[in-house]
Amino acid sequence: MVDIEMITEQEAMRMLKVSSRATIWKYTENHNFPKPIRTHPKQYLKSAVENWILSGGINQKSS
């Protein structure tokens, strides 16, 4: 069975070392940050956030 780990928006912000939800939104709009899997409360797939960071984070070109 596949272990899928979800993290809250606050945990994602800690991983990115940002303090603003608006920053997460800007990263999603302009830098291909993964969209939340759940919207209330916002939850992200931990592996998707980690892959985004390892792939260059905000240094990626948006598509």
PDB file of N, CA and C in Angstrom:
ATOM      1  N   MET A   1       0.840  -1.185   0.000  1.00  0.00           N
ATOM      2  CA  MET A   1       0.000   0.000   0.000  1.00  0.00           C
ATOM      3  C   MET A   1       0.885   1.248   0.000  1.00  0.00           C
ATOM      4  N   VAL A   2       0.492   2.236  -0.765  1.00  0.00           N
ATOM      5  CA  VAL A   2       1.245   3.479  -0.880  1.00  0.00           C
ATOM      6  C   VAL A   2       0.929   4.381   0.309  1.00  0.00           C
ATOM      7  N   ASP A   3       1.971   4.916   0.930  1.00  0.00           N
ATOM      8  CA  ASP A   3       1.790   5.827   2.058  1.00  0.00           C
ATOM      9  C   ASP A   3       1.751   7.258   1.528  1.00  0.00           C
ATOM     10  N   ILE A   4       0.600   7.893   1.636  1.00  0.00           N
ATOM     11  CA  ILE A   4       0.436   9.263   1.152  1.00  0.00           C
ATOM     12  C   ILE A   4       0.392  10.176   2.362  1.00  0.00           C
ATOM     13  N   GLU A   5       1.383  11.064   2.447  1.00  0.00           N
ATOM     14  CA  GLU A   5       1.437  11.971   3.587  1.00  0.00           C
ATOM     15  C   GLU A   5       0.999  13.361   3.161  1.00  0.00           C
ATOM     16  N   MET A   6       0.017  13.880   3.900  1.00  0.00           N
ATOM     17  CA  MET A   6      -0.487  15.221   3.639  1.00  0.00           C
ATOM     18  C   MET A   6       0.085  16.162   4.689  1.00  0.00           C
ATOM     19  N   ILE A   7       0.289  17.411   4.295  1.00  0.00           N
ATOM     20  CA  ILE A   7       0.737  18.428   5.238  1.00  0.00           C
ATOM     21  C   ILE A   7      -0.201  19.623   5.145  1.00  0.00           C
ATOM     22  N   THR A   8      -0.298  20.353   6.239  1.00  0.00           N
ATOM     23  CA  THR A   8      -1.158  21.538   6.259  1.00  0.00           C
ATOM     24  C   THR A   8      -0.459  22.692   5.539  1.00  0.00           C
ATOM     25  N   GLU A   9      -1.225  23.733   5.280  1.00  0.00           N
ATOM     26  CA  GLU A   9      -0.652  24.928   4.665  1.00  0.00           C
ATOM     27  C   GLU A   9       0.445  25.508   5.560  1.00  0.00           C
ATOM     28  N   GLN A  10       0.230  25.485   6.884  1.00  0.00           N
ATOM     29  CA  GLN A  10       1.238  26.007   7.822  1.00  0.00           C
ATOM     30  C   GLN A  10       2.534  25.207   7.722  1.00  0.00           C
ATOM     31  N   GLU A  11       2.421  23.880   7.597  1.00  0.00           N
ATOM     32  CA  GLU A  11       3.614  23.039   7.470  1.00  0.00           C
ATOM     33  C   GLU A  11       4.343  23.324   6.156  1.00  0.00           C
ATOM     34  N   ALA A  12       3.584  23.520   5.085  1.00  0.00           N
ATOM     35  CA  ALA A  12       4.192  23.862   3.791  1.00  0.00           C
ATOM     36  C   ALA A  12       4.926  25.199   3.905  1.00  0.00           C
ATOM     37  N   MET A  13       4.314  26.161   4.592  1.00  0.00           N
ATOM     38  CA  MET A  13       4.955  27.467   4.763  1.00  0.00           C
ATOM     39  C   MET A  13       6.259  27.326   5.550  1.00  0.00           C
ATOM     40  N   ARG A  14       6.265  26.469   6.577  1.00  0.00           N
ATOM     41  CA  ARG A  14       7.498  26.240   7.339  1.00  0.00           C
ATOM     42  C   ARG A  14       8.573  25.605   6.462  1.00  0.00           C
ATOM     43  N   MET A  15       8.183  24.646   5.619  1.00  0.00           N
ATOM     44  CA  MET A  15       9.150  23.990   4.729  1.00  0.00           C
ATOM     45  C   MET A  15       9.782  25.002   3.775  1.00  0.00           C
ATOM     46  N   LEU A  16       8.979  25.978   3.336  1.00  0.00           N
ATOM     47  CA  LEU A  16       9.452  26.994   2.390  1.00  0.00           C
ATOM     48  C   LEU A  16      10.086  28.194   3.087  1.00  0.00           C
ATOM     49  N   LYS A  17       9.974  28.228   4.414  1.00  0.00           N
ATOM     50  CA  LYS A  17      10.473  29.355   5.207  1.00  0.00           C
ATOM     51  C   LYS A  17       9.838  30.668   4.773  1.00  0.00           C
ATOM     52  N   VAL A  18       8.512  30.637   4.614  1.00  0.00           N
ATOM     53  CA  VAL A  18       7.741  31.843   4.322  1.00  0.00           C
ATOM     54  C   VAL A  18       6.692  32.014   5.415  1.00  0.00           C
ATOM     55  N   SER A  19       6.249  33.246   5.620  1.00  0.00           N
ATOM     56  CA  SER A  19       5.285  33.505   6.691  1.00  0.00           C
ATOM     57  C   SER A  19       3.948  34.023   6.174  1.00  0.00           C
ATOM     58  N   SER A  20       3.780  34.076   4.849  1.00  0.00           N
ATOM     59  CA  SER A  20       2.569  34.657   4.299  1.00  0.00           C
ATOM     60  C   SER A  20       1.845  33.664   3.396  1.00  0.00           C
ATOM     61  N   ARG A  21       0.530  33.537   3.605  1.00  0.00           N
ATOM     62  CA  ARG A  21      -0.277  32.698   2.720  1.00  0.00           C
ATOM     63  C   ARG A  21      -0.282  33.281   1.305  1.00  0.00           C
ATOM     64  N   ALA A  22      -0.158  34.604   1.194  1.00  0.00           N
ATOM     65  CA  ALA A  22      -0.114  35.237  -0.126  1.00  0.00           C
ATOM     66  C   ALA A  22       1.119  34.780  -0.906  1.00  0.00           C
ATOM     67  N   THR A  23       2.212  34.527  -0.208  1.00  0.00           N
ATOM     68  CA  THR A  23       3.426  34.035  -0.874  1.00  0.00           C
ATOM     69  C   THR A  23       3.176  32.666  -1.483  1.00  0.00           C
ATOM     70  N   ILE A  24       2.492  31.790  -0.737  1.00  0.00           N
ATOM     71  CA  ILE A  24       2.147  30.464  -1.270  1.00  0.00           C
ATOM     72  C   ILE A  24       1.295  30.634  -2.532  1.00  0.00           C
ATOM     73  N   TRP A  25       0.322  31.532  -2.480  1.00  0.00           N
ATOM     74  CA  TRP A  25      -0.540  31.772  -3.640  1.00  0.00           C
ATOM     75  C   TRP A  25       0.287  32.245  -4.836  1.00  0.00           C
ATOM     76  N   LYS A  26       1.232  33.187  -4.608  1.00  0.00           N
ATOM     77  CA  LYS A  26       2.086  33.690  -5.692  1.00  0.00           C
ATOM     78  C   LYS A  26       2.949  32.571  -6.264  1.00  0.00           C
ATOM     79  N   TYR A  27       3.477  31.718  -5.397  1.00  0.00           N
ATOM     80  CA  TYR A  27       4.286  30.585  -5.869  1.00  0.00           C
ATOM     81  C   TYR A  27       3.443  29.654  -6.737  1.00  0.00           C
ATOM     82  N   THR A  28       2.180  29.439  -6.353  1.00  0.00           N
ATOM     83  CA  THR A  28       1.284  28.572  -7.122  1.00  0.00           C
ATOM     84  C   THR A  28       0.985  29.196  -8.486  1.00  0.00           C
ATOM     85  N   GLU A  29       0.722  30.500  -8.493  1.00  0.00           N
ATOM     86  CA  GLU A  29       0.374  31.192  -9.740  1.00  0.00           C
ATOM     87  C   GLU A  29       1.568  31.379 -10.679  1.00  0.00           C
ATOM     88  N   ASN A  30       2.749  31.660 -10.116  1.00  0.00           N
ATOM     89  CA  ASN A  30       3.885  32.080 -10.948  1.00  0.00           C
ATOM     90  C   ASN A  30       5.055  31.106 -11.005  1.00  0.00           C
ATOM     91  N   HIS A  31       5.097  30.131 -10.106  1.00  0.00           N
ATOM     92  CA  HIS A  31       6.289  29.283 -10.019  1.00  0.00           C
ATOM     93  C   HIS A  31       5.961  27.792  -9.920  1.00  0.00           C
ATOM     94  N   ASN A  32       4.788  27.396 -10.396  1.00  0.00           N
ATOM     95  CA  ASN A  32       4.397  25.985 -10.455  1.00  0.00           C
ATOM     96  C   ASN A  32       4.359  25.273  -9.104  1.00  0.00           C
ATOM     97  N   PHE A  33       4.137  26.003  -8.015  1.00  0.00           N
ATOM     98  CA  PHE A  33       3.990  25.340  -6.726  1.00  0.00           C
ATOM     99  C   PHE A  33       2.747  24.463  -6.792  1.00  0.00           C
ATOM    100  N   PRO A  34       2.809  23.244  -6.227  1.00  0.00           N
ATOM    101  CA  PRO A  34       1.642  22.355  -6.331  1.00  0.00           C
ATOM    102  C   PRO A  34       0.388  22.928  -5.666  1.00  0.00           C
ATOM    103  N   LYS A  35      -0.736  22.687  -6.309  1.00  0.00           N
ATOM    104  CA  LYS A  35      -2.016  23.135  -5.749  1.00  0.00           C
ATOM    105  C   LYS A  35      -2.392  22.221  -4.580  1.00  0.00           C
ATOM    106  N   PRO A  36      -3.161  22.736  -3.630  1.00  0.00           N
ATOM    107  CA  PRO A  36      -3.562  21.890  -2.498  1.00  0.00           C
ATOM    108  C   PRO A  36      -4.455  20.740  -2.964  1.00  0.00           C
ATOM    109  N   ILE A  37      -4.323  19.607  -2.285  1.00  0.00           N
ATOM    110  CA  ILE A  37      -5.157  18.444  -2.577  1.00  0.00           C
ATOM    111  C   ILE A  37      -6.538  18.635  -1.946  1.00  0.00           C
ATOM    112  N   ARG A  38      -6.556  19.170  -0.730  1.00  0.00           N
ATOM    113  CA  ARG A  38      -7.802  19.530  -0.053  1.00  0.00           C
ATOM    114  C   ARG A  38      -7.811  21.038   0.095  1.00  0.00           C
ATOM    115  N   THR A  39      -9.010  21.615   0.068  1.00  0.00           N
ATOM    116  CA  THR A  39      -9.071  23.073   0.172  1.00  0.00           C
ATOM    117  C   THR A  39      -9.576  23.574   1.517  1.00  0.00           C
ATOM    118  N   HIS A  40     -10.237  22.737   2.298  1.00  0.00           N
ATOM    119  CA  HIS A  40     -10.719  23.213   3.600  1.00  0.00           C
ATOM    120  C   HIS A  40     -10.619  22.117   4.631  1.00  0.00           C
ATOM    121  N   PRO A  41      -9.633  22.128   5.499  1.00  0.00           N
ATOM    122  CA  PRO A  41      -8.501  23.068   5.489  1.00  0.00           C
ATOM    123  C   PRO A  41      -7.522  22.695   4.388  1.00  0.00           C
ATOM    124  N   LYS A  42      -6.741  23.680   3.945  1.00  0.00           N
ATOM    125  CA  LYS A  42      -5.794  23.431   2.863  1.00  0.00           C
ATOM    126  C   LYS A  42      -4.777  22.389   3.280  1.00  0.00           C
ATOM    127  N   GLN A  43      -4.604  21.397   2.419  1.00  0.00           N
ATOM    128  CA  GLN A  43      -3.600  20.365   2.644  1.00  0.00           C
ATOM    129  C   GLN A  43      -2.899  20.073   1.332  1.00  0.00           C
ATOM    130  N   TYR A  44      -1.609  19.844   1.443  1.00  0.00           N
ATOM    131  CA  TYR A  44      -0.766  19.577   0.290  1.00  0.00           C
ATOM    132  C   TYR A  44      -0.174  18.189   0.388  1.00  0.00           C
ATOM    133  N   LEU A  45       0.131  17.605  -0.739  1.00  0.00           N
ATOM    134  CA  LEU A  45       0.838  16.340  -0.774  1.00  0.00           C
ATOM    135  C   LEU A  45       2.298  16.631  -0.444  1.00  0.00           C
ATOM    136  N   LYS A  46       2.797  16.058   0.655  1.00  0.00           N
ATOM    137  CA  LYS A  46       4.148  16.364   1.127  1.00  0.00           C
ATOM    138  C   LYS A  46       5.190  16.076   0.050  1.00  0.00           C
ATOM    139  N   SER A  47       5.063  14.954  -0.650  1.00  0.00           N
ATOM    140  CA  SER A  47       6.050  14.597  -1.677  1.00  0.00           C
ATOM    141  C   SER A  47       6.052  15.613  -2.821  1.00  0.00           C
ATOM    142  N   ALA A  48       4.888  16.184  -3.158  1.00  0.00           N
ATOM    143  CA  ALA A  48       4.816  17.185  -4.229  1.00  0.00           C
ATOM    144  C   ALA A  48       5.545  18.459  -3.819  1.00  0.00           C
ATOM    145  N   VAL A  49       5.391  18.864  -2.552  1.00  0.00           N
ATOM    146  CA  VAL A  49       6.087  20.055  -2.057  1.00  0.00           C
ATOM    147  C   VAL A  49       7.594  19.807  -2.040  1.00  0.00           C
ATOM    148  N   GLU A  50       7.996  18.624  -1.554  1.00  0.00           N
ATOM    149  CA  GLU A  50       9.431  18.292  -1.524  1.00  0.00           C
ATOM    150  C   GLU A  50      10.020  18.251  -2.927  1.00  0.00           C
ATOM    151  N   ASN A  51       9.290  17.652  -3.879  1.00  0.00           N
ATOM    152  CA  ASN A  51       9.775  17.600  -5.264  1.00  0.00           C
ATOM    153  C   ASN A  51       9.902  18.990  -5.865  1.00  0.00           C
ATOM    154  N   TRP A  52       8.958  19.877  -5.555  1.00  0.00           N
ATOM    155  CA  TRP A  52       9.007  21.246  -6.061  1.00  0.00           C
ATOM    156  C   TRP A  52      10.266  21.946  -5.551  1.00  0.00           C
ATOM    157  N   ILE A  53      10.555  21.771  -4.268  1.00  0.00           N
ATOM    158  CA  ILE A  53      11.750  22.382  -3.680  1.00  0.00           C
ATOM    159  C   ILE A  53      13.008  21.822  -4.346  1.00  0.00           C
ATOM    160  N   LEU A  54      13.075  20.503  -4.481  1.00  0.00           N
ATOM    161  CA  LEU A  54      14.260  19.866  -5.064  1.00  0.00           C
ATOM    162  C   LEU A  54      14.426  20.194  -6.550  1.00  0.00           C
ATOM    163  N   SER A  55      13.328  20.549  -7.221  1.00  0.00           N
ATOM    164  CA  SER A  55      13.385  20.891  -8.648  1.00  0.00           C
ATOM    165  C   SER A  55      13.744  22.345  -8.898  1.00  0.00           C
ATOM    166  N   GLY A  56      14.036  23.092  -7.848  1.00  0.00           N
ATOM    167  CA  GLY A  56      14.458  24.465  -8.020  1.00  0.00           C
ATOM    168  C   GLY A  56      13.552  25.496  -7.382  1.00  0.00           C
ATOM    169  N   GLY A  57      12.390  25.074  -6.863  1.00  0.00           N
ATOM    170  CA  GLY A  57      11.512  26.018  -6.193  1.00  0.00           C
ATOM    171  C   GLY A  57      11.137  27.199  -7.070  1.00  0.00           C
ATOM    172  N   ILE A  58      11.318  28.410  -6.553  1.00  0.00           N
ATOM    173  CA  ILE A  58      10.910  29.605  -7.310  1.00  0.00           C
ATOM    174  C   ILE A  58      11.818  29.887  -8.489  1.00  0.00           C
ATOM    175  N   ASN A  59      12.929  29.155  -8.620  1.00  0.00           N
ATOM    176  CA  ASN A  59      13.823  29.349  -9.757  1.00  0.00           C
ATOM    177  C   ASN A  59      13.355  28.622 -10.996  1.00  0.00           C
ATOM    178  N   GLN A  60      12.257  27.880 -10.893  1.00  0.00           N
ATOM    179  CA  GLN A  60      11.693  27.197 -12.064  1.00  0.00           C
ATOM    180  C   GLN A  60      10.961  28.209 -12.939  1.00  0.00           C
ATOM    181  N   LYS A  61      10.922  27.928 -14.206  1.00  0.00           N
ATOM    182  CA  LYS A  61      10.098  28.750 -15.091  1.00  0.00           C
ATOM    183  C   LYS A  61       8.662  28.267 -14.985  1.00  0.00           C
ATOM    184  N   SER A  62       7.717  29.206 -14.995  1.00  0.00           N
ATOM    185  CA  SER A  62       6.324  28.781 -14.942  1.00  0.00           C
ATOM    186  C   SER A  62       5.908  28.292 -16.323  1.00  0.00           C
ATOM    187  N   SER A  63       4.938  27.369 -16.333  1.00  0.00           N
ATOM    188  CA  SER A  63       4.513  26.822 -17.635  1.00  0.00           C
ATOM    189  C   SER A  63       3.166  27.344 -18.027  1.00  0.00           C
TER     190      SER A  63
END
